[in-house]
């Protein structure tokens, strides 16, 4: 993802309908949008994405590096790891 041209505000993987915001790269240009989102008490990680110049990393692109279900596995409990 770091090798992608830097003219995007956000470079983020998306699997199906779901962005993977913890695996994204954010430009400093996101700062103001993040601040406004927090002021509105919108704490959703993707709450400021609207209006940003986004480069989506597709599922096909992710597959080059491994299985997206494993790469982006949601772990909330010890049992999820086991």
N, C-alpha and C. Protein backbone atom coordinates (compact mmCIF):
# COMPACT_ATOMS: atom_id res chain seq x y z
N UNK A 1 0.83 -1.19 0.00
CA UNK A 1 0.00 0.00 0.00
C UNK A 1 0.87 1.25 0.00
N UNK A 2 2.03 1.16 0.62
CA UNK A 2 2.91 2.32 0.70
C UNK A 2 3.47 2.70 -0.67
N UNK A 3 3.47 1.77 -1.61
CA UNK A 3 4.02 2.07 -2.94
C UNK A 3 3.00 2.74 -3.85
N UNK A 4 1.76 2.86 -3.41
CA UNK A 4 0.72 3.52 -4.22
C UNK A 4 0.95 5.02 -4.19
N UNK A 5 0.69 5.65 -5.34
CA UNK A 5 0.89 7.10 -5.42
C UNK A 5 0.21 7.80 -4.25
N UNK A 6 0.79 8.90 -3.82
CA UNK A 6 0.37 9.56 -2.58
C UNK A 6 -0.62 10.70 -2.79
N UNK A 7 -1.36 10.69 -3.89
CA UNK A 7 -2.31 11.78 -4.10
C UNK A 7 -3.69 11.45 -3.53
N UNK A 8 -3.79 10.37 -2.75
CA UNK A 8 -5.06 10.00 -2.12
C UNK A 8 -5.06 10.45 -0.67
N UNK A 9 -6.26 10.75 -0.16
CA UNK A 9 -6.40 11.09 1.25
C UNK A 9 -6.36 9.82 2.10
N UNK A 10 -6.96 8.76 1.57
CA UNK A 10 -7.05 7.50 2.29
C UNK A 10 -6.76 6.36 1.33
N UNK A 11 -5.95 5.41 1.77
CA UNK A 11 -5.74 4.17 1.04
C UNK A 11 -6.19 3.07 1.99
N UNK A 12 -7.27 2.36 1.62
CA UNK A 12 -7.89 1.44 2.57
C UNK A 12 -8.35 0.15 1.88
N UNK A 13 -8.08 -0.99 2.50
CA UNK A 13 -8.62 -2.25 1.98
C UNK A 13 -10.12 -2.31 2.24
N UNK A 14 -10.84 -2.93 1.31
CA UNK A 14 -12.27 -3.18 1.52
C UNK A 14 -12.55 -4.62 1.12
N UNK A 15 -13.14 -5.36 2.03
CA UNK A 15 -13.50 -6.74 1.81
C UNK A 15 -15.02 -6.81 1.80
N UNK A 16 -15.58 -7.19 0.67
CA UNK A 16 -17.03 -7.16 0.52
C UNK A 16 -17.49 -5.72 0.65
N UNK A 17 -18.40 -5.48 1.56
CA UNK A 17 -18.92 -4.12 1.79
C UNK A 17 -18.15 -3.38 2.88
N UNK A 18 -17.18 -4.05 3.50
CA UNK A 18 -16.58 -3.51 4.72
C UNK A 18 -15.17 -2.96 4.49
N UNK A 19 -15.00 -1.67 4.82
CA UNK A 19 -13.66 -1.10 4.86
C UNK A 19 -12.90 -1.74 6.03
N UNK A 20 -11.60 -1.75 5.93
CA UNK A 20 -10.73 -2.23 7.01
C UNK A 20 -9.91 -1.02 7.50
N UNK A 21 -10.55 -0.11 8.25
CA UNK A 21 -9.93 1.18 8.59
C UNK A 21 -8.69 1.09 9.47
N UNK A 22 -8.54 0.02 10.23
CA UNK A 22 -7.34 -0.10 11.05
C UNK A 22 -6.12 -0.50 10.23
N UNK A 23 -6.35 -0.87 8.99
CA UNK A 23 -5.26 -1.25 8.07
C UNK A 23 -5.05 -0.19 7.00
N UNK A 24 -5.61 0.98 7.18
CA UNK A 24 -5.56 2.04 6.18
C UNK A 24 -4.36 2.96 6.38
N UNK A 25 -4.05 3.69 5.33
CA UNK A 25 -3.05 4.75 5.38
C UNK A 25 -3.82 6.06 5.20
N UNK A 26 -3.60 7.00 6.11
CA UNK A 26 -4.32 8.27 6.10
C UNK A 26 -3.36 9.42 5.86
N UNK A 27 -3.75 10.31 4.97
CA UNK A 27 -2.98 11.52 4.70
C UNK A 27 -3.25 12.54 5.81
N UNK A 28 -2.32 13.46 5.96
CA UNK A 28 -2.53 14.56 6.91
C UNK A 28 -3.77 15.37 6.53
N UNK A 29 -4.19 15.28 5.27
CA UNK A 29 -5.37 16.01 4.82
C UNK A 29 -6.66 15.52 5.48
N UNK A 30 -6.62 14.38 6.15
CA UNK A 30 -7.79 13.84 6.85
C UNK A 30 -8.04 14.52 8.19
N UNK A 31 -7.04 15.22 8.69
CA UNK A 31 -7.11 15.80 10.03
C UNK A 31 -8.35 16.62 10.30
N UNK A 32 -8.66 17.53 9.43
CA UNK A 32 -9.83 18.41 9.62
C UNK A 32 -11.13 17.61 9.59
N UNK A 33 -11.24 16.68 8.66
CA UNK A 33 -12.45 15.85 8.57
C UNK A 33 -12.62 14.99 9.82
N UNK A 34 -11.52 14.47 10.35
CA UNK A 34 -11.58 13.68 11.59
C UNK A 34 -12.03 14.56 12.75
N UNK A 35 -11.45 15.74 12.85
CA UNK A 35 -11.83 16.68 13.93
C UNK A 35 -13.32 16.99 13.89
N UNK A 36 -13.84 17.31 12.69
CA UNK A 36 -15.27 17.63 12.55
C UNK A 36 -16.14 16.43 12.91
N UNK A 37 -15.71 15.25 12.52
CA UNK A 37 -16.46 14.04 12.84
C UNK A 37 -16.54 13.83 14.35
N UNK A 38 -15.43 14.04 15.04
CA UNK A 38 -15.40 13.90 16.50
C UNK A 38 -16.27 14.97 17.17
N UNK A 39 -16.21 16.20 16.66
CA UNK A 39 -17.04 17.27 17.22
C UNK A 39 -18.53 16.93 17.11
N UNK A 40 -18.90 16.20 16.06
CA UNK A 40 -20.30 15.79 15.86
C UNK A 40 -20.62 14.52 16.65
N UNK A 41 -19.65 14.06 17.46
CA UNK A 41 -19.78 12.83 18.25
C UNK A 41 -19.99 11.61 17.36
N UNK A 42 -19.46 11.69 16.15
CA UNK A 42 -19.46 10.55 15.23
C UNK A 42 -18.11 9.87 15.38
N UNK A 43 -18.08 8.80 16.17
CA UNK A 43 -16.82 8.14 16.49
C UNK A 43 -16.55 6.92 15.63
N UNK A 44 -17.40 6.70 14.64
CA UNK A 44 -17.19 5.57 13.73
C UNK A 44 -15.88 5.79 12.97
N UNK A 45 -15.05 4.75 12.88
CA UNK A 45 -13.74 4.87 12.23
C UNK A 45 -13.84 5.40 10.80
N UNK A 46 -14.91 5.09 10.11
CA UNK A 46 -15.08 5.54 8.73
C UNK A 46 -16.02 6.74 8.63
N UNK A 47 -16.35 7.32 9.76
CA UNK A 47 -17.32 8.41 9.79
C UNK A 47 -16.91 9.66 9.04
N UNK A 48 -15.64 9.81 8.77
CA UNK A 48 -15.16 11.00 8.06
C UNK A 48 -14.80 10.71 6.60
N UNK A 49 -15.04 9.49 6.13
CA UNK A 49 -14.63 9.09 4.78
C UNK A 49 -15.36 9.87 3.68
N UNK A 50 -16.61 10.25 3.93
CA UNK A 50 -17.39 10.96 2.91
C UNK A 50 -16.68 12.21 2.43
N UNK A 51 -16.53 12.34 1.14
CA UNK A 51 -15.89 13.52 0.57
C UNK A 51 -14.38 13.43 0.46
N UNK A 52 -13.79 12.35 0.99
CA UNK A 52 -12.34 12.18 0.91
C UNK A 52 -11.98 11.46 -0.39
N UNK A 53 -10.78 11.69 -0.86
CA UNK A 53 -10.27 11.03 -2.06
C UNK A 53 -9.70 9.67 -1.63
N UNK A 54 -10.47 8.61 -1.89
CA UNK A 54 -10.15 7.29 -1.37
C UNK A 54 -9.66 6.36 -2.47
N UNK A 55 -8.59 5.64 -2.18
CA UNK A 55 -8.12 4.55 -3.05
C UNK A 55 -8.44 3.26 -2.32
N UNK A 56 -9.35 2.47 -2.87
CA UNK A 56 -9.75 1.22 -2.26
C UNK A 56 -8.81 0.12 -2.73
N UNK A 57 -8.29 -0.63 -1.77
CA UNK A 57 -7.52 -1.83 -2.07
C UNK A 57 -8.55 -2.95 -2.16
N UNK A 58 -8.70 -3.53 -3.34
CA UNK A 58 -9.75 -4.52 -3.58
C UNK A 58 -9.40 -5.87 -2.96
N UNK A 59 -10.40 -6.71 -2.85
CA UNK A 59 -10.21 -8.06 -2.34
C UNK A 59 -9.20 -8.82 -3.21
N UNK A 60 -9.28 -8.64 -4.52
CA UNK A 60 -8.32 -9.29 -5.42
C UNK A 60 -6.90 -8.86 -5.11
N UNK A 61 -6.71 -7.59 -4.85
CA UNK A 61 -5.37 -7.10 -4.50
C UNK A 61 -4.88 -7.70 -3.19
N UNK A 62 -5.77 -7.82 -2.21
CA UNK A 62 -5.41 -8.39 -0.92
C UNK A 62 -5.03 -9.87 -1.09
N UNK A 63 -5.74 -10.58 -1.96
CA UNK A 63 -5.48 -12.00 -2.17
C UNK A 63 -4.04 -12.27 -2.60
N UNK A 64 -3.39 -11.31 -3.20
CA UNK A 64 -1.99 -11.49 -3.60
C UNK A 64 -1.09 -11.73 -2.39
N UNK A 65 -1.53 -11.27 -1.22
CA UNK A 65 -0.71 -11.36 0.00
C UNK A 65 -1.21 -12.42 0.98
N UNK A 66 -2.39 -12.96 0.74
CA UNK A 66 -2.92 -13.98 1.63
C UNK A 66 -4.44 -13.96 1.63
N UNK A 67 -5.00 -14.80 2.46
CA UNK A 67 -6.44 -14.94 2.56
C UNK A 67 -7.01 -13.78 3.39
N UNK A 68 -7.88 -12.95 2.79
CA UNK A 68 -8.45 -11.81 3.53
C UNK A 68 -9.18 -12.20 4.80
N UNK A 69 -9.78 -13.41 4.82
CA UNK A 69 -10.50 -13.84 6.02
C UNK A 69 -9.53 -14.05 7.19
N UNK A 70 -8.30 -14.38 6.88
CA UNK A 70 -7.29 -14.55 7.93
C UNK A 70 -6.62 -13.22 8.24
N UNK A 71 -6.27 -12.49 7.19
CA UNK A 71 -5.57 -11.20 7.36
C UNK A 71 -6.41 -10.24 8.20
N UNK A 72 -7.72 -10.21 7.95
CA UNK A 72 -8.59 -9.25 8.63
C UNK A 72 -9.53 -9.92 9.63
N UNK A 73 -9.09 -11.02 10.21
CA UNK A 73 -9.92 -11.73 11.18
C UNK A 73 -10.22 -10.83 12.37
N UNK A 74 -11.49 -10.80 12.74
CA UNK A 74 -11.92 -10.00 13.87
C UNK A 74 -11.66 -10.78 15.15
N UNK A 75 -10.84 -10.23 16.02
CA UNK A 75 -10.49 -10.89 17.27
C UNK A 75 -10.96 -10.02 18.43
N UNK A 76 -11.96 -10.51 19.15
CA UNK A 76 -12.46 -9.80 20.32
C UNK A 76 -12.20 -10.55 21.62
N UNK A 77 -12.06 -11.88 21.50
CA UNK A 77 -11.89 -12.72 22.67
C UNK A 77 -10.76 -13.71 22.43
N UNK A 78 -10.21 -14.24 23.50
CA UNK A 78 -9.15 -15.25 23.41
C UNK A 78 -9.61 -16.42 22.53
N UNK A 79 -10.87 -16.80 22.66
CA UNK A 79 -11.43 -17.92 21.89
C UNK A 79 -11.38 -17.65 20.39
N UNK A 80 -11.47 -16.38 19.99
CA UNK A 80 -11.41 -16.04 18.55
C UNK A 80 -10.05 -16.41 17.96
N UNK A 81 -9.01 -16.33 18.76
CA UNK A 81 -7.67 -16.66 18.29
C UNK A 81 -7.52 -18.18 18.18
N UNK A 82 -8.08 -18.88 19.12
CA UNK A 82 -7.97 -20.34 19.14
C UNK A 82 -8.79 -20.93 18.04
